[in-house]
Amino acid sequence: MFAWVEVLREKDNVMEIAYSLGEEMKLDGRISYEKVTGTIKLEQMAEGASPQATRDFMEALKERMQTKPWGSGQIIRVAYSRSTESELVNSWQMEKQAAFVRFA
């Protein structure tokens, strides 16, 4: 599965994240991620995204945010899927596919 992700801003340890699922870079969905508690919240579902696909993406993104830092200033295309390794069977894998820098 693929998604586009951009950290729009970070304030008081809360990251506002724009996202879209699939191949198009619409970035019309919104998620907030609270870095201290590790909670993730859907603010606005991306157009055309199913609730299950959105939940899967949010689980994968939350896991990724808890294990590796995520910067801002880039639009990143990621691929994510359930891990196939036996010891990580209930975990997600997320890999960066491409990145674009947004110039103001």
C-alpha atoms as a PDB file:
ATOM      1  CA  MET A   1       0.000   0.000   0.000  1.00  0.00           C
ATOM      2  CA  PHE A   2       1.163   3.518  -0.688  1.00  0.00           C
ATOM      3  CA  ALA A   3       0.608   6.899   0.930  1.00  0.00           C
ATOM      4  CA  TRP A   4       1.823  10.473   0.672  1.00  0.00           C
ATOM      5  CA  VAL A   5       2.709  12.203   3.949  1.00  0.00           C
ATOM      6  CA  GLU A   6       3.693  15.747   4.897  1.00  0.00           C
ATOM      7  CA  VAL A   7       4.264  17.173   8.380  1.00  0.00           C
ATOM      8  CA  LEU A   8       2.587  20.560   8.103  1.00  0.00           C
ATOM      9  CA  ARG A   9       3.604  21.930  11.492  1.00  0.00           C
ATOM     10  CA  GLU A  10       4.652  20.939  14.963  1.00  0.00           C
ATOM     11  CA  LYS A  11       3.598  22.825  18.087  1.00  0.00           C
ATOM     12  CA  ASP A  12       3.689  21.783  21.734  1.00  0.00           C
ATOM     13  CA  ASN A  13       4.830  18.244  20.772  1.00  0.00           C
ATOM     14  CA  VAL A  14       1.837  17.766  18.445  1.00  0.00           C
ATOM     15  CA  MET A  15       2.495  17.164  14.761  1.00  0.00           C
ATOM     16  CA  GLU A  16      -0.164  18.123  12.227  1.00  0.00           C
ATOM     17  CA  ILE A  17       0.151  15.705   9.320  1.00  0.00           C
ATOM     18  CA  ALA A  18      -1.407  15.853   5.860  1.00  0.00           C
ATOM     19  CA  TYR A  19      -1.823  12.550   4.045  1.00  0.00           C
ATOM     20  CA  SER A  20      -3.408  10.840   1.083  1.00  0.00           C
ATOM     21  CA  LEU A  21      -3.643   7.141   0.370  1.00  0.00           C
ATOM     22  CA  GLY A  22      -2.730   5.640  -2.979  1.00  0.00           C
ATOM     23  CA  GLU A  23      -0.796   7.085  -5.885  1.00  0.00           C
ATOM     24  CA  GLU A  24      -2.195  10.645  -6.017  1.00  0.00           C
ATOM     25  CA  MET A  25      -0.490  13.376  -3.996  1.00  0.00           C
ATOM     26  CA  LYS A  26      -3.677  15.154  -2.842  1.00  0.00           C
ATOM     27  CA  LEU A  27      -2.684  15.468   0.842  1.00  0.00           C
ATOM     28  CA  ASP A  28      -6.326  16.203   1.727  1.00  0.00           C
ATOM     29  CA  GLY A  29      -6.523  14.076   4.892  1.00  0.00           C
ATOM     30  CA  ARG A  30      -5.393  15.288   8.322  1.00  0.00           C
ATOM     31  CA  ILE A  31      -3.943  13.397  11.276  1.00  0.00           C
ATOM     32  CA  SER A  32      -2.495  14.715  14.520  1.00  0.00           C
ATOM     33  CA  TYR A  33       0.260  12.861  16.363  1.00  0.00           C
ATOM     34  CA  GLU A  34       1.089  13.656  19.989  1.00  0.00           C
ATOM     35  CA  LYS A  35       4.784  12.871  20.418  1.00  0.00           C
ATOM     36  CA  VAL A  36       4.904  12.598  24.229  1.00  0.00           C
ATOM     37  CA  THR A  37       2.031  10.155  24.661  1.00  0.00           C
ATOM     38  CA  GLY A  38       2.354   8.514  21.227  1.00  0.00           C
ATOM     39  CA  THR A  39      -1.322   9.011  20.420  1.00  0.00           C
ATOM     40  CA  ILE A  40      -2.550   9.468  16.882  1.00  0.00           C
ATOM     41  CA  LYS A  41      -5.914  10.975  15.951  1.00  0.00           C
ATOM     42  CA  LEU A  42      -7.795  11.246  12.687  1.00  0.00           C
ATOM     43  CA  GLU A  43      -8.857  14.855  12.099  1.00  0.00           C
ATOM     44  CA  GLN A  44     -10.159  14.490   8.528  1.00  0.00           C
ATOM     45  CA  MET A  45     -10.317  11.375   6.365  1.00  0.00           C
ATOM     46  CA  ALA A  46      -8.652  11.637   2.962  1.00  0.00           C
ATOM     47  CA  GLU A  47     -11.022  11.741   0.008  1.00  0.00           C
ATOM     48  CA  GLY A  48     -11.776   8.293  -1.373  1.00  0.00           C
ATOM     49  CA  ALA A  49     -10.040   6.457   1.493  1.00  0.00           C
ATOM     50  CA  SER A  50     -11.868   3.622   3.207  1.00  0.00           C
ATOM     51  CA  PRO A  51     -12.082   3.561   7.008  1.00  0.00           C
ATOM     52  CA  GLN A  52     -10.114   0.267   7.154  1.00  0.00           C
ATOM     53  CA  ALA A  53      -7.339   1.539   4.877  1.00  0.00           C
ATOM     54  CA  THR A  54      -7.130   4.702   6.974  1.00  0.00           C
ATOM     55  CA  ARG A  55      -6.886   2.699  10.223  1.00  0.00           C
ATOM     56  CA  ASP A  56      -4.144   0.514   8.732  1.00  0.00           C
ATOM     57  CA  PHE A  57      -2.191   3.554   7.574  1.00  0.00           C
ATOM     58  CA  MET A  58      -2.553   5.266  10.953  1.00  0.00           C
ATOM     59  CA  GLU A  59      -1.297   2.137  12.757  1.00  0.00           C
ATOM     60  CA  ALA A  60       1.707   1.940  10.429  1.00  0.00           C
ATOM     61  CA  LEU A  61       2.442   5.668  10.782  1.00  0.00           C
ATOM     62  CA  LYS A  62       2.164   5.540  14.578  1.00  0.00           C
ATOM     63  CA  GLU A  63       4.619   2.625  14.737  1.00  0.00           C
ATOM     64  CA  ARG A  64       7.012   4.480  12.446  1.00  0.00           C
ATOM     65  CA  MET A  65       6.778   7.707  14.484  1.00  0.00           C
ATOM     66  CA  GLN A  66       7.523   5.834  17.710  1.00  0.00           C
ATOM     67  CA  THR A  67      10.657   4.160  16.348  1.00  0.00           C
ATOM     68  CA  LYS A  68      12.283   6.771  14.079  1.00  0.00           C
ATOM     69  CA  PRO A  69      12.235  10.564  14.000  1.00  0.00           C
ATOM     70  CA  TRP A  70      10.211  12.190  11.245  1.00  0.00           C
ATOM     71  CA  GLY A  71      11.217  15.628   9.988  1.00  0.00           C
ATOM     72  CA  SER A  72       9.159  18.287   8.311  1.00  0.00           C
ATOM     73  CA  GLY A  73       9.545  20.251   5.088  1.00  0.00           C
ATOM     74  CA  GLN A  74       9.192  17.289   2.751  1.00  0.00           C
ATOM     75  CA  ILE A  75       6.366  15.484   1.061  1.00  0.00           C
ATOM     76  CA  ILE A  76       7.230  11.802   1.353  1.00  0.00           C
ATOM     77  CA  ARG A  77       5.823   8.832  -0.539  1.00  0.00           C
ATOM     78  CA  VAL A  78       5.858   5.702   1.603  1.00  0.00           C
ATOM     79  CA  ALA A  79       5.066   2.051   1.066  1.00  0.00           C
ATOM     80  CA  TYR A  80       3.678   0.188   4.053  1.00  0.00           C
ATOM     81  CA  SER A  81       2.655  -3.392   4.725  1.00  0.00           C
ATOM     82  CA  ARG A  82       2.359  -5.954   7.480  1.00  0.00           C
ATOM     83  CA  SER A  83       5.673  -7.490   8.423  1.00  0.00           C
ATOM     84  CA  THR A  84       6.275 -10.990   7.069  1.00  0.00           C
ATOM     85  CA  GLU A  85       8.932 -11.820   9.660  1.00  0.00           C
ATOM     86  CA  SER A  86       7.590 -14.309  12.206  1.00  0.00           C
ATOM     87  CA  GLU A  87       8.765 -12.369  15.276  1.00  0.00           C
ATOM     88  CA  LEU A  88       7.195  -9.160  13.938  1.00  0.00           C
ATOM     89  CA  VAL A  89       3.980 -10.643  12.528  1.00  0.00           C
ATOM     90  CA  ASN A  90       1.728  -8.020  14.164  1.00  0.00           C
ATOM     91  CA  SER A  91       3.976  -5.109  13.206  1.00  0.00           C
ATOM     92  CA  TRP A  92       4.070  -2.807  10.207  1.00  0.00           C
ATOM     93  CA  GLN A  93       6.914  -2.001   7.841  1.00  0.00           C
ATOM     94  CA  MET A  94       7.112   1.467   6.300  1.00  0.00           C
ATOM     95  CA  GLU A  95       9.679   2.461   3.708  1.00  0.00           C
ATOM     96  CA  LYS A  96      10.349   5.827   2.103  1.00  0.00           C
ATOM     97  CA  GLN A  97       9.891   5.649  -1.675  1.00  0.00           C
ATOM     98  CA  ALA A  98      10.417   9.275  -2.719  1.00  0.00           C
ATOM     99  CA  ALA A  99      10.648  12.757  -1.232  1.00  0.00           C
ATOM    100  CA  PHE A 100       9.908  16.240  -2.521  1.00  0.00           C
ATOM    101  CA  VAL A 101      10.925  19.483  -0.850  1.00  0.00           C
ATOM    102  CA  ARG A 102       8.282  22.173  -0.787  1.00  0.00           C
ATOM    103  CA  PHE A 103       9.703  25.625  -1.513  1.00  0.00           C
ATOM    104  CA  ALA A 104       7.914  28.652  -0.114  1.00  0.00           C
END
